[in-house]
């Protein structure tokens, strides 16, 4: 389960990311609560607009961010983005502490966070494969998800308590300090152990990544599933904050709900780390499981029962997203990985501007339970699309060694572009072996 920790660079990265993620979740909790209760009068639509502005840039800037992640040193990119996020957090904190923050200003800062994260996300995701071998990539992705969700379990609860104890402005300042942990980790990495970069002769930019994804039906299914869940199912700040208000809970109650969700998320991430590799079938089944969990949670009559059901919701969401992320990384041509991951992040983050305002409007007009059921319906639709693909793709067949067992052929890495010889830099002395091209491999 923890085999990626044998790599010293990954251990350093994991520690820095965990501290930074805790601060990030503290800030997310504070931002949602500020918009909902300090800058508006419980306006879920305003929160949806804030989320749309924060998660829209990855979609708008995808043609640039993927190219940057493939063209430039990802470690240097992360130095720049983490420093910019630190500065933005300090600015928001100072404005809140001095009573100068307004809703339009918060919208502007949300957009700023979104623009920086649009460059940070694909570089950060692809950087994982620069630190570990090909065989450990799926495990490293799952452990990253575990770190993210462990932080989600700690950060929102701490953030909610800090809002009550010292105020929302100081939460942003504390988060700014946690970015120093990631910057320190990046500076401590042993650059000589990072994998050398593969460069493509093609100058098609994002078009190459798009053609690659469009040419593979399995990736199309994964991307559609992630889009539907991201747009309508992952609006947890809207769901939980409005449900917390319905149950009469405050900021600390909202933070606890975020932490409860993270318990199931952490379990899902750790189980994903145990699997030898990511499989598309898991993505499809998790989408259906999320739909069931969402409908069950929407029917809960009390705060405690709603909180319990969130563990299952978190488990399904993280199982789906961790598996999808790992599947995209390990089956994508290395020279296109940054661009394909930029497309993936654009889909998962860019879907929020589509769904968040709709979810916020549904929560305002019909109540939070209706908004949760909307997300569950999206999960059922995604699962149905995946099942249809399995039935019509020709990949489902009877196993050779077991008469009554069906098996699904899964895709292995495809080589679709010409690659220049590996360029060794002073920082890159160790290469990662690449499997010979093979379109399918029996998944038994």
Protein backbone atom coordinates (compact mmCIF):
# COMPACT_ATOMS: atom_id res chain seq x y z
CA UNK A 1 0.00 0.00 0.00
CA UNK A 2 2.85 2.44 0.82
CA UNK A 3 5.45 1.27 -1.70
CA UNK A 4 5.94 4.79 -3.14
CA UNK A 5 7.38 5.87 0.22
CA UNK A 6 10.52 3.93 -0.67
CA UNK A 7 11.33 6.93 -2.87
CA UNK A 8 12.87 9.71 -0.76
CA UNK A 9 11.64 12.45 -3.08
CA UNK A 10 8.09 11.21 -2.76
CA UNK A 11 8.36 11.11 1.05
CA UNK A 12 9.48 14.75 1.11
CA UNK A 13 6.75 15.74 -1.34
CA UNK A 14 4.06 13.89 0.63
CA UNK A 15 4.96 15.64 3.90
CA UNK A 16 4.94 19.10 2.35
CA UNK A 17 1.71 18.46 0.49
CA UNK A 18 -0.05 17.21 3.61
CA UNK A 19 0.71 20.40 5.57
CA UNK A 20 -0.25 22.60 2.62
CA UNK A 21 -3.47 20.66 2.01
CA UNK A 22 -4.56 21.07 5.64
CA UNK A 23 -4.19 24.82 5.26
CA UNK A 24 -5.98 24.74 1.92
CA UNK A 25 -9.03 23.06 3.42
CA UNK A 26 -9.03 25.51 6.32
CA UNK A 27 -9.09 28.37 3.82
CA UNK A 28 -11.80 26.74 1.68
CA UNK A 29 -14.03 26.42 4.75
CA UNK A 30 -13.41 30.05 5.71
CA UNK A 31 -14.03 31.33 2.18
CA UNK A 32 -17.35 29.48 1.86
CA UNK A 33 -18.50 30.69 5.27
CA UNK A 34 -17.47 34.30 4.59
CA UNK A 35 -19.44 34.40 1.33
CA UNK A 36 -22.47 32.68 2.84
CA UNK A 37 -22.75 34.50 6.17
CA UNK A 38 -20.51 37.61 6.24
CA UNK A 39 -20.80 39.03 2.73
CA UNK A 40 -24.36 37.81 2.00
CA UNK A 41 -27.43 36.71 3.90
CA UNK A 42 -27.16 32.93 3.39
CA UNK A 43 -27.06 33.34 -0.42
CA UNK A 44 -26.17 29.93 -1.89
CA UNK A 45 -26.23 31.40 -5.40
CA UNK A 46 -23.39 33.78 -4.46
CA UNK A 47 -21.42 30.80 -3.22
CA UNK A 48 -22.06 29.06 -6.54
CA UNK A 49 -20.75 32.12 -8.41
CA UNK A 50 -17.64 32.13 -6.20
CA UNK A 51 -17.00 28.48 -6.99
CA UNK A 52 -17.59 29.11 -10.69
CA UNK A 53 -15.01 31.91 -10.73
CA UNK A 54 -12.49 29.81 -8.81
CA UNK A 55 -12.87 26.68 -10.91
CA UNK A 56 -13.56 28.27 -14.31
CA UNK A 57 -9.97 29.26 -15.30
CA UNK A 58 -8.75 25.63 -15.72
CA UNK A 59 -11.33 25.26 -18.48
CA UNK A 60 -10.68 28.63 -20.13
CA UNK A 61 -6.88 28.39 -19.94
CA UNK A 62 -6.51 24.69 -20.72
CA UNK A 63 -4.76 25.30 -24.05
CA UNK A 64 -2.00 27.20 -22.21
CA UNK A 65 -1.69 25.35 -18.89
CA UNK A 66 -1.15 21.91 -20.45
CA UNK A 67 1.50 23.25 -22.80
CA UNK A 68 3.28 24.95 -19.90
CA UNK A 69 3.24 21.70 -17.85
CA UNK A 70 4.82 19.77 -20.74
CA UNK A 71 7.24 22.47 -21.88
CA UNK A 72 8.80 23.83 -18.67
CA UNK A 73 10.37 22.35 -15.56
CA UNK A 74 7.40 21.35 -13.40
CA UNK A 75 9.31 21.92 -10.17
CA UNK A 76 9.96 25.53 -11.17
CA UNK A 77 6.31 25.96 -12.15
CA UNK A 78 5.25 24.78 -8.70
CA UNK A 79 7.65 27.18 -6.99
CA UNK A 80 5.94 30.04 -8.85
CA UNK A 81 2.35 28.91 -8.31
CA UNK A 82 2.76 28.11 -4.62
CA UNK A 83 4.35 31.51 -4.02
CA UNK A 84 1.49 33.25 -5.85
CA UNK A 85 -1.14 31.36 -3.83
CA UNK A 86 0.65 32.38 -0.63
CA UNK A 87 0.51 36.06 -1.64
CA UNK A 88 -3.21 35.87 -2.52
CA UNK A 89 -4.05 34.24 0.82
CA UNK A 90 -2.20 36.98 2.72
CA UNK A 91 -4.06 39.68 0.75
CA UNK A 92 -7.50 38.20 1.49
CA UNK A 93 -6.63 37.74 5.17
CA UNK A 94 -5.46 41.35 5.56
CA UNK A 95 -8.61 42.71 3.89
CA UNK A 96 -10.88 40.60 6.10
CA UNK A 97 -9.05 41.56 9.28
CA UNK A 98 -9.43 45.25 8.42
CA UNK A 99 -13.10 44.94 7.44
CA UNK A 100 -12.45 46.00 3.86
CA UNK A 101 -13.57 42.86 2.02
CA UNK A 102 -16.64 43.10 -0.23
CA UNK A 103 -18.45 40.46 -2.28
CA UNK A 104 -17.15 41.78 -5.64
CA UNK A 105 -13.62 41.79 -4.22
CA UNK A 106 -14.05 38.20 -3.02
CA UNK A 107 -15.24 37.27 -6.51
CA UNK A 108 -12.03 38.82 -7.87
CA UNK A 109 -9.81 36.92 -5.45
CA UNK A 110 -11.67 33.67 -6.24
CA UNK A 111 -10.84 34.28 -9.90
CA UNK A 112 -7.21 34.93 -8.95
CA UNK A 113 -6.99 31.69 -7.02
CA UNK A 114 -8.54 29.92 -9.98
CA UNK A 115 -6.04 31.31 -12.50
CA UNK A 116 -3.03 30.29 -10.40
CA UNK A 117 -4.48 26.86 -9.67
CA UNK A 118 -5.11 26.36 -13.40
CA UNK A 119 -1.32 26.31 -13.88
CA UNK A 120 -0.58 24.56 -10.58
CA UNK A 121 -2.88 21.54 -10.97
CA UNK A 122 -1.62 19.89 -14.19
CA UNK A 123 2.02 20.53 -13.23
CA UNK A 124 1.45 19.07 -9.75
CA UNK A 125 -0.39 16.02 -11.08
CA UNK A 126 2.21 15.28 -13.77
CA UNK A 127 5.09 15.91 -11.35
CA UNK A 128 4.12 12.73 -9.48
CA UNK A 129 5.24 10.64 -12.45
CA UNK A 130 8.56 12.55 -12.46
CA UNK A 131 9.29 11.33 -8.92
CA UNK A 132 8.32 7.63 -9.05
CA UNK A 133 8.67 4.76 -11.48
CA UNK A 134 5.94 3.84 -13.96
CA UNK A 135 4.90 0.85 -11.88
CA UNK A 136 4.41 3.02 -8.77
CA UNK A 137 2.54 5.88 -10.45
CA UNK A 138 -0.94 4.57 -9.65
CA UNK A 139 0.07 3.95 -6.03
CA UNK A 140 1.58 7.44 -5.73
CA UNK A 141 -1.59 9.01 -7.14
CA UNK A 142 -3.69 7.10 -4.61
CA UNK A 143 -1.42 8.14 -1.73
CA UNK A 144 -1.66 11.76 -2.91
CA UNK A 145 -5.41 11.40 -2.69
CA UNK A 146 -5.05 9.93 0.80
CA UNK A 147 -2.97 12.96 1.82
CA UNK A 148 -5.56 15.29 0.32
CA UNK A 149 -8.40 13.60 2.16
CA UNK A 150 -6.53 13.28 5.44
CA UNK A 151 -6.12 17.04 5.18
CA UNK A 152 -9.82 17.34 4.37
CA UNK A 153 -10.58 15.41 7.56
CA UNK A 154 -8.44 17.78 9.66
CA UNK A 155 -8.60 21.14 7.87
CA UNK A 156 -12.34 21.96 7.74
CA UNK A 157 -12.90 21.04 11.40
CA UNK A 158 -9.91 23.13 12.48
CA UNK A 159 -10.96 25.90 10.12
CA UNK A 160 -14.49 25.97 11.53
CA UNK A 161 -13.17 26.17 15.09
CA UNK A 162 -10.70 28.92 14.16
CA UNK A 163 -13.45 30.97 12.51
CA UNK A 164 -15.36 30.90 15.77
CA UNK A 165 -12.27 31.44 17.94
CA UNK A 166 -10.18 34.05 16.09
CA UNK A 167 -12.11 35.04 12.94
CA UNK A 168 -12.06 34.08 9.28
CA UNK A 169 -9.30 36.54 8.33
CA UNK A 170 -6.71 34.78 10.47
CA UNK A 171 -7.59 31.45 8.81
CA UNK A 172 -6.35 32.86 5.49
CA UNK A 173 -3.14 34.05 7.17
CA UNK A 174 -2.54 30.61 8.70
CA UNK A 175 -3.08 29.00 5.30
CA UNK A 176 -0.54 31.35 3.76
CA UNK A 177 2.03 30.07 6.25
CA UNK A 178 1.31 26.44 5.28
CA UNK A 179 2.35 27.15 1.67
CA UNK A 180 5.88 27.52 3.03
CA UNK A 181 5.87 23.77 3.77
CA UNK A 182 5.35 22.96 0.09
CA UNK A 183 7.94 25.50 -1.01
CA UNK A 184 10.43 23.99 1.46
CA UNK A 185 9.65 20.47 0.23
CA UNK A 186 10.24 21.49 -3.40
CA UNK A 187 13.61 22.99 -2.44
CA UNK A 188 14.63 19.80 -0.56
CA UNK A 189 13.94 17.38 -3.43
CA UNK A 190 16.95 15.49 -4.80
CA UNK A 191 16.77 16.72 -8.38
CA UNK A 192 19.24 14.11 -9.59
CA UNK A 193 16.68 11.40 -8.86
CA UNK A 194 13.89 13.01 -10.88
CA UNK A 195 13.06 11.32 -14.18
CA UNK A 196 14.31 13.07 -17.33
CA UNK A 197 11.74 14.82 -19.48
CA UNK A 198 10.55 13.34 -22.77
CA UNK A 199 9.89 15.89 -25.49
CA UNK A 200 7.64 15.50 -28.52
CA UNK A 201 8.54 16.72 -32.02
CA UNK A 202 4.93 17.64 -32.59
CA UNK A 203 3.96 21.29 -32.12
CA UNK A 204 0.21 20.63 -32.05
CA UNK A 205 -0.05 21.74 -28.42
CA UNK A 206 -3.40 21.05 -26.86
CA UNK A 207 -4.71 19.69 -30.17
CA UNK A 208 -2.45 16.63 -29.77
CA UNK A 209 -3.84 15.98 -26.30
CA UNK A 210 -7.42 16.42 -27.46
CA UNK A 211 -6.95 14.09 -30.45
CA UNK A 212 -5.36 11.53 -28.17
CA UNK A 213 -8.29 11.57 -25.74
CA UNK A 214 -10.89 11.63 -28.52
CA UNK A 215 -9.23 8.64 -30.18
CA UNK A 216 -9.67 6.46 -27.10
CA UNK A 217 -13.20 5.52 -26.16
CA UNK A 218 -12.17 4.48 -22.64
CA UNK A 219 -10.78 7.95 -21.90
CA UNK A 220 -13.91 9.56 -23.33
CA UNK A 221 -16.01 7.56 -20.86
CA UNK A 222 -13.73 8.56 -17.97
CA UNK A 223 -13.82 12.23 -18.94
CA UNK A 224 -17.62 12.28 -19.33
CA UNK A 225 -18.04 10.56 -15.96
CA UNK A 226 -15.72 13.03 -14.23
CA UNK A 227 -17.52 15.94 -15.88
CA UNK A 228 -20.97 14.85 -14.72
CA UNK A 229 -19.82 14.14 -11.15
CA UNK A 230 -17.76 17.33 -11.02
CA UNK A 231 -20.56 19.53 -12.34
CA UNK A 232 -23.48 18.26 -10.29
CA UNK A 233 -22.17 15.92 -7.59
CA UNK A 234 -19.11 17.64 -6.14
CA UNK A 235 -20.76 20.86 -4.96
CA UNK A 236 -20.21 19.84 -1.37
CA UNK A 237 -19.69 23.39 -0.03
CA UNK A 238 -23.20 24.23 -1.22
CA UNK A 239 -24.74 20.96 -0.03
CA UNK A 240 -23.11 20.87 3.40
CA UNK A 241 -23.32 24.55 4.29
CA UNK A 242 -27.02 24.79 3.41
CA UNK A 243 -27.78 21.49 5.17
CA UNK A 244 -25.86 22.70 8.23
CA UNK A 245 -28.05 25.80 8.30
CA UNK A 246 -31.18 23.68 7.87
CA UNK A 247 -30.17 21.61 10.90
CA UNK A 248 -29.36 24.77 12.88
CA UNK A 249 -25.57 24.23 12.96
CA UNK A 250 -22.97 26.99 12.68
CA UNK A 251 -19.52 27.27 11.12
CA UNK A 252 -18.13 24.60 13.41
CA UNK A 253 -20.97 22.25 12.42
CA UNK A 254 -20.19 22.85 8.75
CA UNK A 255 -16.52 22.13 9.38
CA UNK A 256 -17.37 18.85 11.12
CA UNK A 257 -19.46 17.76 8.11
CA UNK A 258 -16.44 18.38 5.86
CA UNK A 259 -14.27 16.28 8.15
CA UNK A 260 -16.83 13.45 8.24
CA UNK A 261 -16.91 13.42 4.45
CA UNK A 262 -13.12 13.14 4.53
CA UNK A 263 -13.22 9.97 6.65
CA UNK A 264 -14.91 8.07 3.85
CA UNK A 265 -12.67 9.81 1.32
CA UNK A 266 -9.53 8.69 3.15
CA UNK A 267 -10.75 5.08 3.27
CA UNK A 268 -11.45 5.20 -0.47
CA UNK A 269 -7.98 6.59 -1.22
CA UNK A 270 -6.20 3.97 0.90
CA UNK A 271 -8.13 1.13 -0.74
CA UNK A 272 -7.22 2.56 -4.14
CA UNK A 273 -3.55 2.50 -3.09
CA UNK A 274 -3.84 -1.25 -2.47
CA UNK A 275 -4.83 -1.98 -6.07
CA UNK A 276 -2.05 -2.92 -8.45
CA UNK A 277 -3.35 -0.51 -11.10
CA UNK A 278 -6.32 1.72 -11.88
CA UNK A 279 -9.21 0.21 -13.84
CA UNK A 280 -12.00 1.94 -15.74
CA UNK A 281 -14.59 -0.50 -14.40
CA UNK A 282 -14.02 0.89 -10.90
CA UNK A 283 -14.76 4.42 -12.19
CA UNK A 284 -18.09 3.25 -13.63
CA UNK A 285 -19.20 1.35 -10.53
CA UNK A 286 -18.18 4.20 -8.22
CA UNK A 287 -20.35 6.62 -10.21
CA UNK A 288 -23.39 4.43 -9.55
CA UNK A 289 -22.42 4.04 -5.90
CA UNK A 290 -22.19 7.81 -5.54
CA UNK A 291 -25.71 8.16 -6.93
CA UNK A 292 -27.06 5.76 -4.31
CA UNK A 293 -25.16 7.47 -1.47
CA UNK A 294 -26.39 10.92 -2.55
CA UNK A 295 -30.05 9.92 -2.59
CA UNK A 296 -29.73 8.23 0.80
CA UNK A 297 -28.06 11.29 2.35
CA UNK A 298 -30.73 13.62 0.96
CA UNK A 299 -33.38 11.71 2.90
CA UNK A 300 -31.69 11.89 6.30
CA UNK A 301 -33.85 13.63 8.95
CA UNK A 302 -31.17 14.71 11.46
CA UNK A 303 -27.72 16.28 11.46
CA UNK A 304 -26.13 13.12 12.90
CA UNK A 305 -27.70 10.74 10.38
CA UNK A 306 -26.79 13.07 7.50
CA UNK A 307 -23.20 13.19 8.75
CA UNK A 308 -22.99 9.37 8.85
CA UNK A 309 -24.14 9.04 5.24
CA UNK A 310 -21.45 11.49 4.13
CA UNK A 311 -18.78 8.86 4.83
CA UNK A 312 -20.23 6.73 2.03
CA UNK A 313 -20.51 9.76 -0.25
CA UNK A 314 -16.85 10.62 0.35
CA UNK A 315 -15.78 7.00 -0.20
CA UNK A 316 -17.48 6.82 -3.60
CA UNK A 317 -16.27 10.21 -4.81
CA UNK A 318 -12.63 9.58 -3.95
CA UNK A 319 -12.67 6.02 -5.27
CA UNK A 320 -13.95 7.42 -8.57
CA UNK A 321 -11.59 10.39 -8.81
CA UNK A 322 -8.45 8.60 -7.59
CA UNK A 323 -9.00 5.73 -9.99
CA UNK A 324 -9.78 8.07 -12.88
CA UNK A 325 -6.67 10.16 -12.21
CA UNK A 326 -4.43 7.09 -11.96
CA UNK A 327 -5.95 5.53 -15.08
CA UNK A 328 -5.36 8.68 -17.12
CA UNK A 329 -1.74 8.98 -15.93
CA UNK A 330 -0.60 5.37 -16.38
CA UNK A 331 -2.25 4.84 -19.78
CA UNK A 332 -1.26 8.15 -21.38
CA UNK A 333 1.68 8.66 -23.70
CA UNK A 334 4.43 10.29 -21.54
CA UNK A 335 5.11 13.15 -23.96
CA UNK A 336 1.43 14.13 -23.85
CA UNK A 337 0.84 13.57 -20.14
CA UNK A 338 0.86 17.24 -19.17
CA UNK A 339 -1.62 18.21 -21.88
CA UNK A 340 -3.93 15.27 -21.20
CA UNK A 341 -3.84 15.99 -17.47
CA UNK A 342 -4.58 19.65 -18.20
CA UNK A 343 -7.65 18.50 -20.12
CA UNK A 344 -8.57 16.22 -17.23
CA UNK A 345 -8.20 19.02 -14.68
CA UNK A 346 -10.13 21.36 -16.97
CA UNK A 347 -12.97 18.85 -17.04
CA UNK A 348 -13.04 18.17 -13.30
CA UNK A 349 -12.49 21.79 -12.21
CA UNK A 350 -14.08 23.52 -15.19
CA UNK A 351 -17.28 21.54 -14.74
CA UNK A 352 -17.92 23.43 -11.50
CA UNK A 353 -18.86 26.70 -13.27
CA UNK A 354 -21.51 24.69 -15.11
CA UNK A 355 -22.98 22.88 -12.13
CA UNK A 356 -22.30 25.09 -9.08
CA UNK A 357 -24.62 27.99 -10.04
CA UNK A 358 -27.33 25.47 -10.96
CA UNK A 359 -26.87 23.60 -7.67
CA UNK A 360 -26.93 26.89 -5.74
CA UNK A 361 -30.14 27.98 -7.50
CA UNK A 362 -31.79 24.60 -6.85
CA UNK A 363 -30.77 24.80 -3.18
CA UNK A 364 -32.24 28.34 -2.89
CA UNK A 365 -35.52 27.54 -4.69
CA UNK A 366 -36.21 23.90 -3.87
CA UNK A 367 -33.99 23.31 -0.84
CA UNK A 368 -30.61 21.60 -0.32
CA UNK A 369 -32.08 18.10 -0.48
CA UNK A 370 -33.19 18.65 -4.08
CA UNK A 371 -29.70 19.88 -4.98
CA UNK A 372 -28.17 16.73 -3.48
CA UNK A 373 -30.58 14.55 -5.47
CA UNK A 374 -29.55 16.40 -8.62
CA UNK A 375 -25.98 15.31 -7.95
CA UNK A 376 -27.10 11.73 -7.34
CA UNK A 377 -28.96 11.70 -10.66
CA UNK A 378 -25.74 12.77 -12.41
CA UNK A 379 -24.01 9.74 -10.83
CA UNK A 380 -26.65 7.37 -12.18
CA UNK A 381 -26.40 8.91 -15.66
CA UNK A 382 -22.59 8.57 -15.64
CA UNK A 383 -22.85 4.94 -14.54
CA UNK A 384 -25.37 4.20 -17.30
CA UNK A 385 -23.07 5.72 -19.93
CA UNK A 386 -20.22 3.54 -18.68
CA UNK A 387 -22.33 0.38 -18.70
CA UNK A 388 -23.44 1.10 -22.29
CA UNK A 389 -19.81 1.57 -23.29
CA UNK A 390 -18.79 -1.72 -21.68
CA UNK A 391 -21.62 -3.54 -23.50
CA UNK A 392 -20.92 -2.00 -26.91
CA UNK A 393 -17.14 -1.52 -26.98
CA UNK A 394 -16.32 -5.16 -27.68
CA UNK A 395 -14.00 -5.34 -24.68
CA UNK A 396 -16.28 -7.47 -22.54
CA UNK A 397 -15.69 -11.18 -23.11
CA UNK A 398 -15.57 -14.51 -21.37
CA UNK A 399 -12.39 -15.21 -19.42
CA UNK A 400 -10.19 -17.88 -20.94
CA UNK A 401 -9.55 -19.82 -17.74
CA UNK A 402 -12.95 -19.42 -16.05
CA UNK A 403 -16.04 -20.47 -17.92
CA UNK A 404 -18.60 -18.30 -16.16
CA UNK A 405 -16.44 -15.22 -15.54
CA UNK A 406 -16.51 -12.16 -17.79
CA UNK A 407 -13.45 -9.96 -18.18
CA UNK A 408 -12.92 -6.44 -19.52
CA UNK A 409 -9.88 -5.63 -21.66
CA UNK A 410 -8.17 -2.56 -20.22
CA UNK A 411 -5.95 -0.14 -22.14
CA UNK A 412 -2.21 0.07 -21.65
CA UNK A 413 -0.03 3.05 -22.69
CA UNK A 414 -0.31 3.94 -26.38
CA UNK A 415 2.44 5.56 -28.44
CA UNK A 416 0.89 8.01 -30.84
CA UNK A 417 3.61 10.66 -31.37
CA UNK A 418 7.25 10.55 -32.33
CA UNK A 419 9.59 11.17 -29.41
CA UNK A 420 12.99 12.78 -29.46
CA UNK A 421 15.78 10.89 -27.70
CA UNK A 422 15.72 11.44 -23.96
CA UNK A 423 17.50 14.65 -23.03
CA UNK A 424 19.53 14.34 -19.85
CA UNK A 425 20.01 17.53 -17.89
CA UNK A 426 22.19 18.11 -14.87
CA UNK A 427 19.14 17.43 -12.73
CA UNK A 428 18.03 14.27 -14.50
CA UNK A 429 20.33 11.30 -14.15
CA UNK A 430 17.85 8.47 -13.74
CA UNK A 431 15.26 7.42 -16.32
CA UNK A 432 11.95 5.65 -15.88
CA UNK A 433 11.48 2.53 -18.00
CA UNK A 434 8.59 2.67 -20.46
CA UNK A 435 6.68 -0.43 -21.46
CA UNK A 436 6.58 -1.44 -25.07
CA UNK A 437 3.37 -0.27 -26.79
CA UNK A 438 0.41 -2.52 -26.26
CA UNK A 439 -3.18 -1.51 -26.80
CA UNK A 440 -4.92 -3.96 -24.49
CA UNK A 441 -4.15 -6.26 -21.67
CA UNK A 442 -6.48 -8.81 -20.12
CA UNK A 443 -7.85 -7.59 -16.79
CA UNK A 444 -8.62 -10.66 -14.76
